[in-house]
């Protein structure tokens, strides 16, 4: 059975977006509305969960450590036009 439409949630989302738009337009000339979704955030949390292995009851400290690990790994990724070969 499908979900029922929740107009209150939709109103909150639209109100928040309308409050955000003036602030966004101070810095940029246009906004790609298709980029306003949760995909990037869900992908990030998925990466953090993968770093935890089989631990399904992690603490905030675990989350912070995994985030730091992801940041450190990202610093060592070679760009495609680097002038050296990978080890």
PDB file of N, CA and C in Angstrom:
ATOM      1  N   UNK A   1       0.848  -1.179   0.000  1.00  0.00           N
ATOM      2  CA  UNK A   1       0.000   0.000   0.000  1.00  0.00           C
ATOM      3  C   UNK A   1       0.892   1.239   0.000  1.00  0.00           C
ATOM      4  N   UNK A   2       0.578   2.224  -0.809  1.00  0.00           N
ATOM      5  CA  UNK A   2       1.388   3.434  -0.937  1.00  0.00           C
ATOM      6  C   UNK A   2       1.239   4.368   0.247  1.00  0.00           C
ATOM      7  N   UNK A   3       2.182   5.269   0.337  1.00  0.00           N
ATOM      8  CA  UNK A   3       2.138   6.266   1.403  1.00  0.00           C
ATOM      9  C   UNK A   3       1.122   7.347   1.078  1.00  0.00           C
ATOM     10  N   UNK A   4       0.565   7.930   2.123  1.00  0.00           N
ATOM     11  CA  UNK A   4      -0.332   9.061   1.936  1.00  0.00           C
ATOM     12  C   UNK A   4       0.499  10.336   1.831  1.00  0.00           C
ATOM     13  N   UNK A   5       0.030  11.262   1.047  1.00  0.00           N
ATOM     14  CA  UNK A   5       0.704  12.541   0.871  1.00  0.00           C
ATOM     15  C   UNK A   5       0.574  13.362   2.141  1.00  0.00           C
ATOM     16  N   UNK A   6       1.678  13.892   2.631  1.00  0.00           N
ATOM     17  CA  UNK A   6       1.679  14.697   3.841  1.00  0.00           C
ATOM     18  C   UNK A   6       1.898  16.153   3.450  1.00  0.00           C
ATOM     19  N   UNK A   7       0.844  16.923   3.412  1.00  0.00           N
ATOM     20  CA  UNK A   7       0.960  18.319   2.978  1.00  0.00           C
ATOM     21  C   UNK A   7       1.722  19.166   3.991  1.00  0.00           C
ATOM     22  N   UNK A   8       1.663  18.826   5.273  1.00  0.00           N
ATOM     23  CA  UNK A   8       2.390  19.605   6.280  1.00  0.00           C
ATOM     24  C   UNK A   8       3.899  19.493   6.051  1.00  0.00           C
ATOM     25  N   UNK A   9       4.378  18.296   5.752  1.00  0.00           N
ATOM     26  CA  UNK A   9       5.803  18.111   5.472  1.00  0.00           C
ATOM     27  C   UNK A   9       6.226  18.869   4.229  1.00  0.00           C
ATOM     28  N   UNK A  10       5.385  18.851   3.218  1.00  0.00           N
ATOM     29  CA  UNK A  10       5.671  19.567   1.972  1.00  0.00           C
ATOM     30  C   UNK A  10       5.729  21.071   2.229  1.00  0.00           C
ATOM     31  N   UNK A  11       4.836  21.584   3.073  1.00  0.00           N
ATOM     32  CA  UNK A  11       4.830  23.011   3.396  1.00  0.00           C
ATOM     33  C   UNK A  11       6.091  23.412   4.155  1.00  0.00           C
ATOM     34  N   UNK A  12       6.539  22.580   5.062  1.00  0.00           N
ATOM     35  CA  UNK A  12       7.771  22.868   5.805  1.00  0.00           C
ATOM     36  C   UNK A  12       8.959  22.913   4.853  1.00  0.00           C
ATOM     37  N   UNK A  13       9.029  21.957   3.932  1.00  0.00           N
ATOM     38  CA  UNK A  13      10.124  21.912   2.965  1.00  0.00           C
ATOM     39  C   UNK A  13      10.133  23.159   2.089  1.00  0.00           C
ATOM     40  N   UNK A  14       8.981  23.537   1.564  1.00  0.00           N
ATOM     41  CA  UNK A  14       8.904  24.730   0.714  1.00  0.00           C
ATOM     42  C   UNK A  14       9.231  26.001   1.483  1.00  0.00           C
ATOM     43  N   UNK A  15       8.741  26.105   2.703  1.00  0.00           N
ATOM     44  CA  UNK A  15       9.025  27.292   3.515  1.00  0.00           C
ATOM     45  C   UNK A  15      10.519  27.416   3.791  1.00  0.00           C
ATOM     46  N   UNK A  16      11.155  26.306   4.132  1.00  0.00           N
ATOM     47  CA  UNK A  16      12.594  26.324   4.396  1.00  0.00           C
ATOM     48  C   UNK A  16      13.369  26.703   3.142  1.00  0.00           C
ATOM     49  N   UNK A  17      12.956  26.167   2.004  1.00  0.00           N
ATOM     50  CA  UNK A  17      13.643  26.483   0.752  1.00  0.00           C
ATOM     51  C   UNK A  17      13.484  27.960   0.400  1.00  0.00           C
ATOM     52  N   UNK A  18      12.288  28.505   0.595  1.00  0.00           N
ATOM     53  CA  UNK A  18      12.064  29.920   0.292  1.00  0.00           C
ATOM     54  C   UNK A  18      12.888  30.828   1.201  1.00  0.00           C
ATOM     55  N   UNK A  19      13.133  30.407   2.423  1.00  0.00           N
ATOM     56  CA  UNK A  19      13.998  31.180   3.315  1.00  0.00           C
ATOM     57  C   UNK A  19      15.467  31.058   2.911  1.00  0.00           C
ATOM     58  N   UNK A  20      15.827  29.954   2.315  1.00  0.00           N
ATOM     59  CA  UNK A  20      17.209  29.698   1.917  1.00  0.00           C
ATOM     60  C   UNK A  20      17.593  30.412   0.624  1.00  0.00           C
ATOM     61  N   UNK A  21      16.648  30.581  -0.277  1.00  0.00           N
ATOM     62  CA  UNK A  21      16.928  31.142  -1.607  1.00  0.00           C
ATOM     63  C   UNK A  21      17.596  32.521  -1.555  1.00  0.00           C
ATOM     64  N   UNK A  22      17.093  33.497  -0.789  1.00  0.00           N
ATOM     65  CA  UNK A  22      17.765  34.808  -0.787  1.00  0.00           C
ATOM     66  C   UNK A  22      19.234  34.718  -0.352  1.00  0.00           C
ATOM     67  N   UNK A  23      19.515  33.881   0.600  1.00  0.00           N
ATOM     68  CA  UNK A  23      20.900  33.721   1.055  1.00  0.00           C
ATOM     69  C   UNK A  23      21.769  33.081  -0.027  1.00  0.00           C
ATOM     70  N   UNK A  24      21.213  32.121  -0.742  1.00  0.00           N
ATOM     71  CA  UNK A  24      21.964  31.485  -1.820  1.00  0.00           C
ATOM     72  C   UNK A  24      22.276  32.473  -2.936  1.00  0.00           C
ATOM     73  N   UNK A  25      21.305  33.307  -3.287  1.00  0.00           N
ATOM     74  CA  UNK A  25      21.487  34.228  -4.404  1.00  0.00           C
ATOM     75  C   UNK A  25      22.423  35.389  -4.079  1.00  0.00           C
ATOM     76  N   UNK A  26      22.837  35.533  -2.826  1.00  0.00           N
ATOM     77  CA  UNK A  26      23.858  36.524  -2.504  1.00  0.00           C
ATOM     78  C   UNK A  26      25.210  36.103  -3.075  1.00  0.00           C
ATOM     79  N   UNK A  27      25.421  34.802  -3.214  1.00  0.00           N
ATOM     80  CA  UNK A  27      26.726  34.288  -3.623  1.00  0.00           C
ATOM     81  C   UNK A  27      26.754  33.729  -5.040  1.00  0.00           C
ATOM     82  N   UNK A  28      25.629  33.307  -5.566  1.00  0.00           N
ATOM     83  CA  UNK A  28      25.588  32.719  -6.909  1.00  0.00           C
ATOM     84  C   UNK A  28      24.438  33.337  -7.703  1.00  0.00           C
ATOM     85  N   UNK A  29      24.523  33.193  -9.027  1.00  0.00           N
ATOM     86  CA  UNK A  29      23.483  33.783  -9.881  1.00  0.00           C
ATOM     87  C   UNK A  29      22.335  32.826 -10.159  1.00  0.00           C
ATOM     88  N   UNK A  30      22.583  31.524 -10.071  1.00  0.00           N
ATOM     89  CA  UNK A  30      21.511  30.562 -10.321  1.00  0.00           C
ATOM     90  C   UNK A  30      21.711  29.346  -9.428  1.00  0.00           C
ATOM     91  N   UNK A  31      20.653  28.606  -9.226  1.00  0.00           N
ATOM     92  CA  UNK A  31      20.673  27.427  -8.355  1.00  0.00           C
ATOM     93  C   UNK A  31      20.088  26.255  -9.130  1.00  0.00           C
ATOM     94  N   UNK A  32      20.799  25.135  -9.132  1.00  0.00           N
ATOM     95  CA  UNK A  32      20.291  23.922  -9.781  1.00  0.00           C
ATOM     96  C   UNK A  32      19.418  23.168  -8.784  1.00  0.00           C
ATOM     97  N   UNK A  33      18.122  23.247  -8.966  1.00  0.00           N
ATOM     98  CA  UNK A  33      17.200  22.631  -8.014  1.00  0.00           C
ATOM     99  C   UNK A  33      17.346  21.118  -7.958  1.00  0.00           C
ATOM    100  N   UNK A  34      17.815  20.518  -9.038  1.00  0.00           N
ATOM    101  CA  UNK A  34      17.975  19.061  -9.039  1.00  0.00           C
ATOM    102  C   UNK A  34      19.048  18.609  -8.052  1.00  0.00           C
ATOM    103  N   UNK A  35      19.922  19.532  -7.624  1.00  0.00           N
ATOM    104  CA  UNK A  35      20.984  19.185  -6.674  1.00  0.00           C
ATOM    105  C   UNK A  35      20.496  19.177  -5.228  1.00  0.00           C
ATOM    106  N   UNK A  36      19.291  19.641  -5.004  1.00  0.00           N
ATOM    107  CA  UNK A  36      18.748  19.663  -3.653  1.00  0.00           C
ATOM    108  C   UNK A  36      18.073  18.333  -3.344  1.00  0.00           C
ATOM    109  N   UNK A  37      18.882  17.331  -3.071  1.00  0.00           N
ATOM    110  CA  UNK A  37      18.355  16.029  -2.675  1.00  0.00           C
ATOM    111  C   UNK A  37      19.298  15.411  -1.655  1.00  0.00           C
ATOM    112  N   UNK A  38      18.941  14.289  -1.133  1.00  0.00           N
ATOM    113  CA  UNK A  38      19.704  13.669  -0.060  1.00  0.00           C
ATOM    114  C   UNK A  38      20.727  12.655  -0.545  1.00  0.00           C
ATOM    115  N   UNK A  39      20.881  12.492  -1.838  1.00  0.00           N
ATOM    116  CA  UNK A  39      21.763  11.448  -2.357  1.00  0.00           C
ATOM    117  C   UNK A  39      23.193  11.579  -1.854  1.00  0.00           C
ATOM    118  N   UNK A  40      23.760  12.781  -1.923  1.00  0.00           N
ATOM    119  CA  UNK A  40      25.147  12.965  -1.490  1.00  0.00           C
ATOM    120  C   UNK A  40      25.299  12.664  -0.003  1.00  0.00           C
ATOM    121  N   UNK A  41      24.350  13.110   0.784  1.00  0.00           N
ATOM    122  CA  UNK A  41      24.398  12.865   2.220  1.00  0.00           C
ATOM    123  C   UNK A  41      24.269  11.377   2.532  1.00  0.00           C
ATOM    124  N   UNK A  42      23.368  10.693   1.848  1.00  0.00           N
ATOM    125  CA  UNK A  42      23.206   9.256   2.056  1.00  0.00           C
ATOM    126  C   UNK A  42      24.455   8.489   1.631  1.00  0.00           C
ATOM    127  N   UNK A  43      25.095   8.918   0.538  1.00  0.00           N
ATOM    128  CA  UNK A  43      26.336   8.274   0.107  1.00  0.00           C
ATOM    129  C   UNK A  43      27.439   8.458   1.140  1.00  0.00           C
ATOM    130  N   UNK A  44      27.515   9.651   1.716  1.00  0.00           N
ATOM    131  CA  UNK A  44      28.526   9.911   2.744  1.00  0.00           C
ATOM    132  C   UNK A  44      28.310   9.009   3.962  1.00  0.00           C
ATOM    133  N   UNK A  45      27.091   8.941   4.467  1.00  0.00           N
ATOM    134  CA  UNK A  45      26.818   8.099   5.626  1.00  0.00           C
ATOM    135  C   UNK A  45      27.047   6.623   5.304  1.00  0.00           C
ATOM    136  N   UNK A  46      26.807   6.233   4.074  1.00  0.00           N
ATOM    137  CA  UNK A  46      27.089   4.861   3.657  1.00  0.00           C
ATOM    138  C   UNK A  46      28.583   4.569   3.746  1.00  0.00           C
ATOM    139  N   UNK A  47      29.407   5.517   3.313  1.00  0.00           N
ATOM    140  CA  UNK A  47      30.858   5.340   3.407  1.00  0.00           C
ATOM    141  C   UNK A  47      31.305   5.253   4.859  1.00  0.00           C
ATOM    142  N   UNK A  48      30.720   6.082   5.714  1.00  0.00           N
ATOM    143  CA  UNK A  48      31.071   6.055   7.137  1.00  0.00           C
ATOM    144  C   UNK A  48      30.682   4.711   7.745  1.00  0.00           C
ATOM    145  N   UNK A  49      29.498   4.197   7.393  1.00  0.00           N
ATOM    146  CA  UNK A  49      29.066   2.894   7.912  1.00  0.00           C
ATOM    147  C   UNK A  49      29.996   1.781   7.451  1.00  0.00           C
ATOM    148  N   UNK A  50      30.421   1.833   6.174  1.00  0.00           N
ATOM    149  CA  UNK A  50      31.330   0.810   5.647  1.00  0.00           C
ATOM    150  C   UNK A  50      32.653   0.780   6.399  1.00  0.00           C
ATOM    151  N   UNK A  51      33.121   1.938   6.833  1.00  0.00           N
ATOM    152  CA  UNK A  51      34.367   2.000   7.595  1.00  0.00           C
ATOM    153  C   UNK A  51      34.221   1.298   8.936  1.00  0.00           C
ATOM    154  N   UNK A  52      32.997   1.160   9.433  1.00  0.00           N
ATOM    155  CA  UNK A  52      32.772   0.558  10.734  1.00  0.00           C
ATOM    156  C   UNK A  52      32.780  -0.954  10.725  1.00  0.00           C
ATOM    157  N   UNK A  53      32.843  -1.552   9.569  1.00  0.00           N
ATOM    158  CA  UNK A  53      32.830  -3.011   9.497  1.00  0.00           C
ATOM    159  C   UNK A  53      31.519  -3.569  10.002  1.00  0.00           C
ATOM    160  N   UNK A  54      31.600  -4.506  10.935  1.00  0.00           N
ATOM    161  CA  UNK A  54      30.391  -5.168  11.428  1.00  0.00           C
ATOM    162  C   UNK A  54      29.814  -4.492  12.669  1.00  0.00           C
ATOM    163  N   UNK A  55      30.369  -3.358  13.074  1.00  0.00           N
ATOM    164  CA  UNK A  55      29.883  -2.654  14.259  1.00  0.00           C
ATOM    165  C   UNK A  55      28.605  -1.897  13.912  1.00  0.00           C
ATOM    166  N   UNK A  56      27.472  -2.367  14.419  1.00  0.00           N
ATOM    167  CA  UNK A  56      26.209  -1.689  14.115  1.00  0.00           C
ATOM    168  C   UNK A  56      25.703  -0.841  15.281  1.00  0.00           C
ATOM    169  N   UNK A  57      26.527  -0.659  16.327  1.00  0.00           N
ATOM    170  CA  UNK A  57      26.176   0.212  17.453  1.00  0.00           C
ATOM    171  C   UNK A  57      27.337   1.164  17.707  1.00  0.00           C
ATOM    172  N   UNK A  58      27.616   2.011  16.734  1.00  0.00           N
ATOM    173  CA  UNK A  58      28.763   2.901  16.862  1.00  0.00           C
ATOM    174  C   UNK A  58      28.424   4.109  17.728  1.00  0.00           C
ATOM    175  N   UNK A  59      29.459   4.734  18.241  1.00  0.00           N
ATOM    176  CA  UNK A  59      29.323   5.915  19.094  1.00  0.00           C
ATOM    177  C   UNK A  59      29.652   7.163  18.276  1.00  0.00           C
ATOM    178  N   UNK A  60      29.348   8.341  18.803  1.00  0.00           N
ATOM    179  CA  UNK A  60      29.748   9.568  18.101  1.00  0.00           C
ATOM    180  C   UNK A  60      31.263   9.653  17.885  1.00  0.00           C
ATOM    181  N   UNK A  61      32.036   9.134  18.825  1.00  0.00           N
ATOM    182  CA  UNK A  61      33.493   9.128  18.662  1.00  0.00           C
ATOM    183  C   UNK A  61      33.900   8.230  17.491  1.00  0.00           C
ATOM    184  N   UNK A  62      33.237   7.076  17.353  1.00  0.00           N
ATOM    185  CA  UNK A  62      33.492   6.196  16.197  1.00  0.00           C
ATOM    186  C   UNK A  62      33.196   6.935  14.893  1.00  0.00           C
ATOM    187  N   UNK A  63      32.090   7.649  14.874  1.00  0.00           N
ATOM    188  CA  UNK A  63      31.704   8.396  13.675  1.00  0.00           C
ATOM    189  C   UNK A  63      32.772   9.433  13.328  1.00  0.00           C
ATOM    190  N   UNK A  64      33.256  10.142  14.328  1.00  0.00           N
ATOM    191  CA  UNK A  64      34.284  11.154  14.105  1.00  0.00           C
ATOM    192  C   UNK A  64      35.569  10.524  13.578  1.00  0.00           C
ATOM    193  N   UNK A  65      35.972   9.401  14.158  1.00  0.00           N
ATOM    194  CA  UNK A  65      37.191   8.726  13.705  1.00  0.00           C
ATOM    195  C   UNK A  65      37.049   8.236  12.268  1.00  0.00           C
ATOM    196  N   UNK A  66      35.906   7.697  11.922  1.00  0.00           N
ATOM    197  CA  UNK A  66      35.686   7.217  10.549  1.00  0.00           C
ATOM    198  C   UNK A  66      35.670   8.377   9.561  1.00  0.00           C
ATOM    199  N   UNK A  67      35.089   9.498   9.972  1.00  0.00           N
ATOM    200  CA  UNK A  67      35.088  10.678   9.114  1.00  0.00           C
ATOM    201  C   UNK A  67      36.513  11.146   8.866  1.00  0.00           C
ATOM    202  N   UNK A  68      37.329  11.158   9.904  1.00  0.00           N
ATOM    203  CA  UNK A  68      38.733  11.545   9.744  1.00  0.00           C
ATOM    204  C   UNK A  68      39.467  10.580   8.825  1.00  0.00           C
ATOM    205  N   UNK A  69      39.165   9.289   8.945  1.00  0.00           N
ATOM    206  CA  UNK A  69      39.795   8.303   8.063  1.00  0.00           C
ATOM    207  C   UNK A  69      39.416   8.569   6.610  1.00  0.00           C
ATOM    208  N   UNK A  70      38.143   8.858   6.361  1.00  0.00           N
ATOM    209  CA  UNK A  70      37.700   9.148   4.993  1.00  0.00           C
ATOM    210  C   UNK A  70      38.379  10.400   4.444  1.00  0.00           C
ATOM    211  N   UNK A  71      38.512  11.419   5.286  1.00  0.00           N
ATOM    212  CA  UNK A  71      39.187  12.638   4.846  1.00  0.00           C
ATOM    213  C   UNK A  71      40.651  12.372   4.527  1.00  0.00           C
ATOM    214  N   UNK A  72      41.318  11.598   5.380  1.00  0.00           N
ATOM    215  CA  UNK A  72      42.732  11.286   5.157  1.00  0.00           C
ATOM    216  C   UNK A  72      42.909  10.472   3.883  1.00  0.00           C
ATOM    217  N   UNK A  73      42.043   9.508   3.643  1.00  0.00           N
ATOM    218  CA  UNK A  73      42.137   8.702   2.424  1.00  0.00           C
ATOM    219  C   UNK A  73      41.917   9.565   1.190  1.00  0.00           C
ATOM    220  N   UNK A  74      41.007  10.515   1.283  1.00  0.00           N
ATOM    221  CA  UNK A  74      40.725  11.393   0.157  1.00  0.00           C
ATOM    222  C   UNK A  74      41.892  12.296  -0.188  1.00  0.00           C
ATOM    223  N   UNK A  75      42.740  12.593   0.802  1.00  0.00           N
ATOM    224  CA  UNK A  75      43.895  13.443   0.546  1.00  0.00           C
ATOM    225  C   UNK A  75      44.942  12.728  -0.291  1.00  0.00           C
ATOM    226  N   UNK A  76      44.944  11.401  -0.264  1.00  0.00           N
ATOM    227  CA  UNK A  76      45.976  10.646  -0.949  1.00  0.00           C
ATOM    228  C   UNK A  76      45.523  10.070  -2.283  1.00  0.00           C
ATOM    229  N   UNK A  77      44.348  10.422  -2.733  1.00  0.00           N
ATOM    230  CA  UNK A  77      43.868   9.959  -4.034  1.00  0.00           C
ATOM    231  C   UNK A  77      44.553  10.789  -5.112  1.00  0.00           C
ATOM    232  N   UNK A  78      45.149  10.104  -6.080  1.00  0.00           N
ATOM    233  CA  UNK A  78      45.847  10.821  -7.146  1.00  0.00           C
ATOM    234  C   UNK A  78      44.843  11.343  -8.166  1.00  0.00           C
ATOM    235  N   UNK A  79      45.089  12.534  -8.645  1.00  0.00           N
ATOM    236  CA  UNK A  79      44.221  13.057  -9.687  1.00  0.00           C
ATOM    237  C   UNK A  79      44.604  12.422 -11.020  1.00  0.00           C
ATOM    238  N   UNK A  80      43.698  12.458 -11.965  1.00  0.00           N
ATOM    239  CA  UNK A  80      43.899  11.792 -13.247  1.00  0.00           C
ATOM    240  C   UNK A  80      45.022  12.362 -14.084  1.00  0.00           C
ATOM    241  N   UNK A  81      45.352  13.636 -13.902  1.00  0.00           N
ATOM    242  CA  UNK A  81      46.393  14.238 -14.725  1.00  0.00           C
ATOM    243  C   UNK A  81      47.694  14.450 -13.952  1.00  0.00           C
ATOM    244  N   UNK A  82      47.953  13.622 -12.943  1.00  0.00           N
ATOM    245  CA  UNK A  82      49.193  13.724 -12.168  1.00  0.00           C
ATOM    246  C   UNK A  82      50.375  13.342 -13.043  1.00  0.00           C
ATOM    247  N   UNK A  83      51.545  13.868 -12.704  1.00  0.00           N
ATOM    248  CA  UNK A  83      52.715  13.587 -13.521  1.00  0.00           C
ATOM    249  C   UNK A  83      53.583  12.473 -12.937  1.00  0.00           C
ATOM    250  N   UNK A  84      52.997  11.626 -12.115  1.00  0.00           N
ATOM    251  CA  UNK A  84      53.733  10.480 -11.590  1.00  0.00           C
ATOM    252  C   UNK A  84      52.833   9.249 -11.622  1.00  0.00           C
ATOM    253  N   UNK A  85      53.458   8.084 -11.607  1.00  0.00           N
ATOM    254  CA  UNK A  85      52.704   6.838 -11.671  1.00  0.00           C
ATOM    255  C   UNK A  85      52.380   6.351 -10.268  1.00  0.00           C
ATOM    256  N   UNK A  86      51.275   5.646 -10.106  1.00  0.00           N
ATOM    257  CA  UNK A  86      50.952   5.095  -8.783  1.00  0.00           C
ATOM    258  C   UNK A  86      51.968   4.041  -8.370  1.00  0.00           C
ATOM    259  N   UNK A  87      52.150   3.878  -7.060  1.00  0.00           N
ATOM    260  CA  UNK A  87      53.092   2.872  -6.533  1.00  0.00           C
ATOM    261  C   UNK A  87      52.627   1.477  -6.825  1.00  0.00           C
TER     262      UNK A  87
END
